[in-house]
Amino acid sequence: MSDLPPLATGGMSREGTTTVVRIHGAKIDSVDKKILCSAMCKCDKQPNIGKDGKQLK
């Protein structure tokens, strides 16, 4: 076991409520966006099932 403290502490709400946490979207520059979009498009065009029947995505 690690001697480090846990990453999260606390418990669950007994009332079953949800706390909405707003996070501002990360800014992606145009060069990174072009690379990411290209990679996602290529991935999307690949088959979902491999030759051995395994799920690839």
Protein backbone atom coordinates (compact mmCIF):
# COMPACT_ATOMS: atom_id res chain seq x y z
CA MET A 1 0.00 0.00 0.00
CA SER A 2 1.08 3.53 -0.65
CA ASP A 3 1.70 6.05 2.11
CA LEU A 4 0.32 8.80 -0.13
CA PRO A 5 -3.03 10.42 0.74
CA PRO A 6 -6.02 9.43 -1.43
CA LEU A 7 -6.72 11.46 -4.56
CA ALA A 8 -10.28 12.17 -3.45
CA THR A 9 -11.85 12.36 -0.04
CA GLY A 10 -15.36 12.76 1.25
CA GLY A 11 -18.54 10.83 0.78
CA MET A 12 -21.61 10.69 -1.36
CA SER A 13 -24.61 12.92 -0.87
CA ARG A 14 -27.40 11.15 1.00
CA GLU A 15 -30.01 13.19 -0.85
CA GLY A 16 -28.78 12.07 -4.26
CA THR A 17 -28.00 15.56 -5.49
CA THR A 18 -25.47 16.41 -8.17
CA THR A 19 -23.10 19.34 -8.04
CA VAL A 20 -22.54 20.86 -11.47
CA VAL A 21 -18.96 21.94 -12.04
CA ARG A 22 -18.42 24.31 -14.93
CA ILE A 23 -15.10 23.96 -16.71
CA HIS A 24 -14.06 26.39 -19.40
CA GLY A 25 -13.14 24.69 -22.66
CA ALA A 26 -9.47 24.41 -23.43
CA LYS A 27 -8.21 26.64 -26.21
CA ILE A 28 -6.61 24.66 -29.03
CA ASP A 29 -4.49 26.53 -31.53
CA SER A 30 -5.16 26.06 -35.25
CA VAL A 31 -2.09 23.85 -35.87
CA ASP A 32 -3.01 21.40 -33.08
CA LYS A 33 -6.66 21.42 -34.15
CA LYS A 34 -5.70 20.51 -37.73
CA ILE A 35 -3.56 17.59 -36.51
CA LEU A 36 -6.23 16.31 -34.09
CA CYS A 37 -9.00 16.57 -36.68
CA SER A 38 -6.91 14.68 -39.23
CA ALA A 39 -6.17 11.89 -36.74
CA MET A 40 -9.84 11.59 -35.72
CA CYS A 41 -11.03 11.47 -39.33
CA LYS A 42 -8.56 8.68 -40.15
CA CYS A 43 -9.61 6.77 -37.03
CA ASP A 44 -13.30 7.19 -37.86
CA LYS A 45 -12.79 5.72 -41.35
CA GLN A 46 -11.18 2.54 -39.97
CA PRO A 47 -13.37 -0.55 -39.40
CA ASN A 48 -14.89 -1.09 -35.96
CA ILE A 49 -14.18 -4.84 -35.95
CA GLY A 50 -10.73 -6.34 -36.57
CA LYS A 51 -9.96 -9.43 -38.66
CA ASP A 52 -10.06 -11.58 -35.51
CA GLY A 53 -13.47 -10.19 -34.52
CA LYS A 54 -12.22 -7.92 -31.73
CA GLN A 55 -13.79 -4.50 -31.17
CA LEU A 56 -11.24 -1.88 -32.23
CA LYS A 57 -12.93 1.29 -30.99
